[in-house]
Every structure is written in C-alpha cells, then in structure tokens.
Amino acid sequence: MTVPAAAWPVLIVVLAAAVAGKVRDVRGFGSVVAGYRILPDRLATPAAAAVLAAETVAAVLLAVPATRRWGALLAAVLFAAFLIAMASVLRRGMRIECGCFGSARGTSQVGAAGIARTGLLLLLAVAAAVAGPAAFSAVQPPLSLLALALVAAMPRLLRPARTSPDGTPPAGPRPGTRFQLADGPETMTAADGPTLFALISPTCGICTTMLPAFTEAARRVRVVVVSAGPPGEVRAHLAAHGIGLPLVVDPDVYDANGIPWPPYAVVTDPAGTVLAADGTDTAPRLATLLGTAPVRTATGHRRS
C-alpha cells in the first residue's frame, strides 16, 4: 500500500489551495458555477458554498488516519462531479472559466488540461481510499512530491500554444487594424471619441464578475457590450445584473477578429480602428488596457 498511501498528502495540498482561492470570493465563485449552465442561477451561490464546504471537510478527514478513507471517498465524489461538469461544457461547445482554484484565474479555461488534471486527482483519490490509514513509509514523501509536481505541471504540459511556430503575436485584433463588428459603422460613429467594446458571454462566469468593472469604465469612455450569444438570453442576463449599457449581438465577432474567448475588450477610435485590445479577466487588467489608449474623462475632456 506504499504507493497508494502517497496520494493523500497531495489531495490535502490541492484541496487546501482550492479552498483558499474560493473562500476569498464565494459570490465570484458562484458566478463561475453559474457559467456552467447546469444549475439555475439562484442555486449557483449555494452550490459554490457547498463545494467549498465539501472540499474543506474532505481535506480535514484526509488529515486524520481514522477518517482518511472517508475523506478520500468524498474527494473522489467531488472530482468525479467536476469531470462530469467539464465534459458537459466541452460537449456544448462552451468556453468558460473552470473556477478550479477561485473566481478570477483567466488562464484556467475548461479544456484538455483541466480534464486531465481533474482525472489525475480522481485517480489519486481512489488510490487514497484503497490505502486508507496505511502505515507511514519513508518512500511516501518523495512519491507525494512527484505526484504533486505532476498535478501542478499538467496545465503547462497540455496548455494550447499562445503563439504560432513562427513567433507571431497572440490571437486578437492588433492596434491599427479594423475591428470587425456587425453594425460596426453605426455603432462606432455614434461616439465622438474612443469606444470600449466589452465582449462577454452569459455562460461565462468571469464575464459576469467583470460586468461592474465595465459599467465603472463607462464613466471614462463610451462602453458597448458585445456578445455572440442568443440576443434574448444576453439581454436577460444583462438585465438580471442591472447592466444598462448599449448592446451589439454579433455571432461572428470572435472568428472575424481572431479573439480566443471572453471576457475581452477592444478600444477603437470613431472610425473603428483598434487602439488597444486584450483579455480582461480582472478589473486591474481592464484599467491597464484603458491606460494604453486615450479616453474621455467624466467631464468630456480627453486623457491619454
């Protein structure tokens, strides 16, 4: 039982890291859960709290030899549920944040890396359940460290390349190019200054957490929400969160501009020329983007 018994320290570390990332913003994690579109929105935050509690209990049970098998079984149930949820997202062709270690990690999209890592954790949980309160062995620490290193490296090993083999820049519109958008000319020329196009999806939890930041940005620059989702669903989503910003629905906006996934922001001049563009998964990242392009102040004066 030496090899299986090396699994429980790894599970404790992973579960503790997950709890630490989520407990700081349970509501934000609830928005990520809502993005999976498996539960009704009203149940998203309670479900997030339940996941947080289950992860905490599993870590505590794993730390006590007498209850280690129960903790491993609870962890296995959690990881199996996470796998099912991720597989459902991929089957539906959605691109959302996985929320594995909190509510604001822009690099943890649901994909092959998340599936592989969660599958590995499920195997470790099963191994820990089989081992139970096995006696300590000097071989266990190095095996635990090796397994933990593999869990940590999994996203890097399976992460899609962000650049092409010839070293070209990441996907997305570049400054000086034309932002391709349905009804673009009418939308852009309505403003006498730069416009911030905030690309969001109603199925994206991180997008939901960014809605207040986009609203706050409207005090400095004209903001237009852009989505590729069904118009009725997008409008209902914005209304449910009290967002009254202008909306443009364009199913082809991502493919036309080479944008990987939301939340994403593009700042253009009135002619539709891109001034700045980048992913905006956090408010500071949005502020940095706005700082690279001239915007209007609340009094109407421009600032660069």
Protein backbone atom coordinates (compact mmCIF):
# COMPACT_ATOMS: atom_id res chain seq x y z
CA MET A 1 0.00 0.00 0.00
CA THR A 2 3.03 2.32 -0.07
CA VAL A 3 2.32 3.85 -3.48
CA PRO A 4 -1.45 4.44 -2.96
CA ALA A 5 -0.76 5.86 0.51
CA ALA A 6 1.37 8.61 -1.05
CA ALA A 7 -1.78 10.12 -2.59
CA TRP A 8 -3.44 11.63 0.48
CA PRO A 9 -0.87 14.42 1.14
CA VAL A 10 -1.26 15.54 -2.47
CA LEU A 11 -5.03 15.68 -2.10
CA ILE A 12 -4.77 17.74 1.09
CA VAL A 13 -2.48 20.30 -0.60
CA VAL A 14 -4.71 20.58 -3.69
CA LEU A 15 -7.93 20.84 -1.70
CA ALA A 16 -6.40 23.43 0.66
CA ALA A 17 -5.26 25.52 -2.30
CA ALA A 18 -8.71 25.28 -3.87
CA VAL A 19 -10.43 26.33 -0.64
CA ALA A 20 -8.03 29.26 -0.16
CA GLY A 21 -8.75 30.53 -3.68
CA LYS A 22 -12.53 30.28 -3.35
CA VAL A 23 -13.16 31.42 0.21
CA ARG A 24 -11.96 34.94 -0.64
CA ASP A 25 -14.84 35.46 -3.09
CA VAL A 26 -17.65 32.95 -2.69
CA ARG A 27 -20.06 35.06 -4.76
CA GLY A 28 -17.50 35.33 -7.54
CA PHE A 29 -17.07 31.58 -7.48
CA GLY A 30 -20.86 31.32 -7.59
CA SER A 31 -20.78 33.30 -10.84
CA VAL A 32 -18.29 30.79 -12.24
CA VAL A 33 -20.60 27.93 -11.21
CA ALA A 34 -23.49 29.72 -12.94
CA GLY A 35 -21.38 29.90 -16.09
CA TYR A 36 -21.52 26.12 -16.41
CA ARG A 37 -25.27 26.44 -17.08
CA ILE A 38 -26.05 23.20 -15.22
CA LEU A 39 -27.92 24.68 -12.24
CA PRO A 40 -30.42 27.55 -12.14
CA ASP A 41 -28.72 30.89 -11.37
CA ARG A 42 -30.43 31.12 -7.97
CA LEU A 43 -28.69 27.91 -6.89
CA ALA A 44 -25.22 28.88 -8.13
CA THR A 45 -24.01 30.63 -4.97
CA PRO A 46 -25.41 27.96 -2.59
CA ALA A 47 -23.78 25.30 -4.77
CA ALA A 48 -20.48 27.20 -4.64
CA ALA A 49 -20.71 27.33 -0.85
CA ALA A 50 -21.49 23.60 -0.76
CA VAL A 51 -18.44 22.80 -2.91
CA LEU A 52 -16.27 24.95 -0.66
CA ALA A 53 -17.59 23.19 2.46
CA ALA A 54 -17.15 19.71 0.91
CA GLU A 55 -13.55 20.47 -0.09
CA THR A 56 -12.80 21.70 3.43
CA VAL A 57 -14.35 18.63 5.05
CA ALA A 58 -12.53 16.29 2.68
CA ALA A 59 -9.17 17.90 3.49
CA VAL A 60 -9.80 17.63 7.23
CA LEU A 61 -10.91 13.99 7.00
CA LEU A 62 -7.84 13.12 4.91
CA ALA A 63 -5.56 14.57 7.58
CA VAL A 64 -6.84 12.14 10.26
CA PRO A 65 -5.81 8.48 9.77
CA ALA A 66 -9.05 7.13 11.24
CA THR A 67 -11.18 9.09 8.76
CA ARG A 68 -8.76 9.15 5.82
CA ARG A 69 -10.74 6.68 3.70
CA TRP A 70 -13.93 8.76 4.11
CA GLY A 71 -12.07 11.91 3.12
CA ALA A 72 -10.66 10.19 0.04
CA LEU A 73 -14.12 8.96 -0.97
CA LEU A 74 -15.58 12.46 -0.57
CA ALA A 75 -12.73 13.87 -2.65
CA ALA A 76 -13.36 11.24 -5.32
CA VAL A 77 -17.04 12.21 -5.48
CA LEU A 78 -16.07 15.88 -5.86
CA PHE A 79 -13.55 15.23 -8.63
CA ALA A 80 -15.97 12.94 -10.46
CA ALA A 81 -18.62 15.69 -10.33
CA PHE A 82 -16.09 18.24 -11.62
CA LEU A 83 -15.20 15.91 -14.51
CA ILE A 84 -18.85 15.49 -15.47
CA ALA A 85 -19.40 19.27 -15.38
CA MET A 86 -16.33 19.95 -17.52
CA ALA A 87 -17.28 17.27 -20.03
CA SER A 88 -20.72 18.85 -20.29
CA VAL A 89 -19.15 22.24 -21.05
CA LEU A 90 -16.95 20.81 -23.79
CA ARG A 91 -19.85 18.83 -25.28
CA ARG A 92 -21.88 22.02 -25.56
CA GLY A 93 -19.01 23.90 -27.19
CA MET A 94 -18.79 26.47 -24.40
CA ARG A 95 -15.64 28.41 -23.46
CA ILE A 96 -15.72 29.32 -19.77
CA GLU A 97 -13.52 29.64 -16.72
CA CYS A 98 -13.20 26.37 -14.82
CA GLY A 99 -13.11 28.02 -11.36
CA CYS A 100 -10.82 25.26 -10.13
CA PHE A 101 -8.90 27.47 -7.72
CA GLY A 102 -11.15 30.51 -7.41
CA SER A 103 -13.17 33.02 -9.39
CA ALA A 104 -10.54 35.10 -11.18
CA ARG A 105 -7.97 32.96 -12.93
CA GLY A 106 -8.00 33.90 -16.58
CA THR A 107 -5.69 31.08 -17.64
CA SER A 108 -7.81 28.22 -16.25
CA GLN A 109 -10.30 27.72 -19.04
CA VAL A 110 -12.19 24.44 -19.21
CA GLY A 111 -10.25 22.26 -21.62
CA ALA A 112 -7.96 19.28 -22.03
CA ALA A 113 -5.59 20.44 -19.27
CA GLY A 114 -8.37 20.79 -16.71
CA ILE A 115 -9.89 17.46 -17.68
CA ALA A 116 -6.52 15.69 -17.41
CA ARG A 117 -5.66 17.29 -14.07
CA THR A 118 -9.04 16.51 -12.57
CA GLY A 119 -8.86 12.93 -13.87
CA LEU A 120 -5.45 12.53 -12.24
CA LEU A 121 -6.82 13.86 -8.95
CA LEU A 122 -9.71 11.40 -9.17
CA LEU A 123 -7.23 8.55 -9.57
CA LEU A 124 -5.26 9.82 -6.57
CA ALA A 125 -8.45 10.00 -4.51
CA VAL A 126 -9.32 6.41 -5.40
CA ALA A 127 -5.77 5.34 -4.51
CA ALA A 128 -6.01 7.09 -1.13
CA ALA A 129 -9.35 5.39 -0.45
CA VAL A 130 -7.84 1.99 -1.25
CA ALA A 131 -4.83 2.64 1.01
CA GLY A 132 -6.87 4.00 3.91
CA PRO A 133 -4.85 4.57 7.12
CA ALA A 134 -1.77 2.76 5.81
CA ALA A 135 1.39 2.84 7.90
CA PHE A 136 3.96 5.53 7.13
CA SER A 137 6.84 4.62 4.84
CA ALA A 138 9.99 6.59 4.01
CA VAL A 139 9.15 6.20 0.33
CA GLN A 140 5.88 8.11 0.67
CA PRO A 141 7.26 11.71 0.82
CA PRO A 142 9.19 11.58 -2.47
CA LEU A 143 6.28 9.83 -4.17
CA SER A 144 3.89 12.50 -2.86
CA LEU A 145 6.16 15.28 -4.13
CA LEU A 146 6.40 13.61 -7.52
CA ALA A 147 2.62 13.27 -7.79
CA LEU A 148 2.10 16.88 -6.65
CA ALA A 149 4.60 18.11 -9.26
CA LEU A 150 2.71 16.19 -11.95
CA VAL A 151 -0.62 17.73 -10.86
CA ALA A 152 0.93 21.21 -10.94
CA ALA A 153 2.61 20.68 -14.31
CA MET A 154 -0.44 19.21 -16.06
CA PRO A 155 -1.88 22.58 -17.24
CA ARG A 156 1.51 23.62 -18.62
CA LEU A 157 2.04 20.32 -20.40
CA LEU A 158 -1.34 20.44 -22.12
CA ARG A 159 -1.83 24.20 -22.49
CA PRO A 160 -2.51 25.28 -26.10
CA ALA A 161 0.30 27.30 -27.64
CA ARG A 162 -0.32 31.05 -27.35
CA THR A 163 1.85 31.83 -30.36
CA SER A 164 2.37 30.22 -33.71
CA PRO A 165 5.60 28.35 -34.54
CA ASP A 166 7.00 31.43 -36.33
CA GLY A 167 6.57 33.56 -33.18
CA THR A 168 3.67 35.73 -34.35
CA PRO A 169 1.71 37.63 -31.66
CA PRO A 170 -1.18 36.01 -29.75
CA ALA A 171 -4.65 35.92 -31.30
CA GLY A 172 -6.81 39.02 -31.24
CA PRO A 173 -7.09 42.34 -33.09
CA ARG A 174 -3.88 44.37 -33.18
CA PRO A 175 -3.63 48.19 -32.87
CA GLY A 176 -4.06 49.85 -36.24
CA THR A 177 -6.30 47.13 -37.68
CA ARG A 178 -10.03 47.41 -38.28
CA PHE A 179 -12.35 45.95 -35.63
CA GLN A 180 -14.86 43.77 -37.46
CA LEU A 181 -18.31 44.07 -35.90
CA ALA A 182 -21.90 43.74 -37.13
CA ASP A 183 -23.47 47.22 -37.43
CA GLY A 184 -19.98 48.49 -36.67
CA PRO A 185 -20.01 51.79 -38.57
CA GLU A 186 -23.29 52.92 -36.98
CA THR A 187 -22.14 51.83 -33.53
CA MET A 188 -18.75 53.48 -33.76
CA THR A 189 -19.55 56.79 -35.44
CA ALA A 190 -22.22 57.48 -32.81
CA ALA A 191 -19.36 58.41 -30.45
CA ASP A 192 -17.09 61.45 -30.73
CA GLY A 193 -14.22 59.65 -29.01
CA PRO A 194 -12.86 56.17 -28.32
CA THR A 195 -15.27 53.31 -27.64
CA LEU A 196 -14.62 50.32 -25.40
CA PHE A 197 -16.23 47.17 -26.78
CA ALA A 198 -16.67 44.71 -23.90
CA LEU A 199 -17.00 41.16 -25.23
CA ILE A 200 -18.88 38.92 -22.83
CA SER A 201 -20.92 35.72 -22.79
CA PRO A 202 -23.87 34.95 -20.49
CA THR A 203 -22.34 31.49 -19.96
CA CYS A 204 -19.00 32.90 -18.79
CA GLY A 205 -18.65 33.24 -15.04
CA ILE A 206 -15.65 35.59 -15.21
CA CYS A 207 -17.60 37.79 -17.65
CA THR A 208 -20.31 38.16 -15.03
CA THR A 209 -17.80 39.22 -12.38
CA MET A 210 -16.43 41.81 -14.83
CA LEU A 211 -19.77 43.50 -15.56
CA PRO A 212 -19.42 46.04 -12.71
CA ALA A 213 -15.92 46.93 -13.95
CA PHE A 214 -17.23 47.56 -17.46
CA THR A 215 -20.01 49.72 -16.00
CA GLU A 216 -17.46 51.68 -13.98
CA ALA A 217 -15.37 52.17 -17.13
CA ALA A 218 -18.38 53.86 -18.77
CA ARG A 219 -17.61 56.91 -16.60
CA ARG A 220 -14.39 57.40 -18.57
CA VAL A 221 -15.16 56.10 -22.04
CA ARG A 222 -18.16 55.03 -24.09
CA VAL A 223 -18.76 51.32 -23.46
CA VAL A 224 -20.68 48.93 -25.74
CA VAL A 225 -21.32 45.34 -24.69
CA VAL A 226 -20.75 42.78 -27.45
CA SER A 227 -21.87 39.16 -27.34
CA ALA A 228 -22.18 36.22 -29.70
CA GLY A 229 -24.94 34.59 -27.65
CA PRO A 230 -28.69 34.48 -28.34
CA PRO A 231 -29.99 38.09 -28.15
CA GLY A 232 -32.83 37.31 -25.72
CA GLU A 233 -30.55 35.38 -23.38
CA VAL A 234 -27.89 38.10 -23.42
CA ARG A 235 -30.40 40.89 -22.73
CA ALA A 236 -31.98 38.90 -19.90
CA HIS A 237 -28.52 38.25 -18.44
CA LEU A 238 -27.58 41.95 -18.51
CA ALA A 239 -30.94 42.98 -17.07
CA ALA A 240 -30.62 40.46 -14.24
CA HIS A 241 -27.35 42.11 -13.21
CA GLY A 242 -28.61 45.68 -13.64
CA ILE A 243 -26.44 46.47 -16.67
CA GLY A 244 -27.89 49.20 -18.92
CA LEU A 245 -25.01 49.56 -21.39
CA PRO A 246 -25.62 49.50 -25.18
CA LEU A 247 -25.54 46.01 -26.66
CA VAL A 248 -24.44 44.63 -30.03
CA VAL A 249 -25.03 40.94 -30.80
CA ASP A 250 -22.71 39.50 -33.44
CA PRO A 251 -22.35 35.69 -33.70
CA ASP A 252 -19.21 36.07 -35.84
CA VAL A 253 -17.30 38.61 -33.74
CA TYR A 254 -14.80 36.09 -32.31
CA ASP A 255 -13.93 34.39 -35.59
CA ALA A 256 -13.85 37.67 -37.53
CA ASN A 257 -11.32 39.22 -35.15
CA GLY A 258 -9.35 36.15 -34.04
CA ILE A 259 -10.43 36.62 -30.41
CA PRO A 260 -9.92 33.44 -28.33
CA TRP A 261 -12.60 33.80 -25.61
CA PRO A 262 -14.37 36.31 -23.36
CA PRO A 263 -14.09 38.45 -21.37
CA TYR A 264 -12.19 40.53 -23.89
CA ALA A 265 -12.09 44.25 -24.59
CA VAL A 266 -11.31 46.27 -27.70
CA VAL A 267 -10.82 50.05 -27.68
CA THR A 268 -11.36 51.76 -31.04
CA ASP A 269 -11.47 55.28 -32.42
CA PRO A 270 -14.72 56.52 -34.02
CA ALA A 271 -13.65 55.05 -37.37
CA GLY A 272 -13.34 51.56 -35.88
CA THR A 273 -9.55 51.41 -35.85
CA VAL A 274 -8.22 49.38 -32.93
CA LEU A 275 -6.32 51.44 -30.36
CA ALA A 276 -5.85 48.64 -27.82
CA ALA A 277 -7.18 45.12 -27.23
CA ASP A 278 -6.64 42.37 -24.70
CA GLY A 279 -8.29 39.83 -22.45
CA THR A 280 -9.88 41.50 -19.42
CA ASP A 281 -10.47 38.87 -16.74
CA THR A 282 -9.76 41.28 -13.85
CA ALA A 283 -10.50 44.96 -13.13
CA PRO A 284 -6.78 45.86 -12.92
CA ARG A 285 -6.19 44.30 -16.32
CA LEU A 286 -9.05 46.38 -17.76
CA ALA A 287 -7.58 49.52 -16.18
CA THR A 288 -4.22 48.73 -17.76
CA LEU A 289 -5.87 48.34 -21.15
CA LEU A 290 -7.66 51.68 -20.82
CA GLY A 291 -4.39 53.29 -19.85
CA THR A 292 -2.90 52.41 -23.22
CA ALA A 293 -5.49 54.37 -25.21
CA PRO A 294 -6.82 57.96 -24.95
CA VAL A 295 -10.19 58.06 -23.21
CA ARG A 296 -12.69 60.70 -22.15
CA THR A 297 -12.89 61.80 -18.54
CA ALA A 298 -16.26 62.20 -16.84
CA THR A 299 -16.28 65.90 -17.86
CA GLY A 300 -15.79 65.09 -21.51
CA HIS A 301 -12.10 66.00 -21.79
CA ARG A 302 -9.74 63.50 -23.28
CA ARG A 303 -6.90 61.98 -21.36
CA SER A 304 -4.09 59.77 -22.67
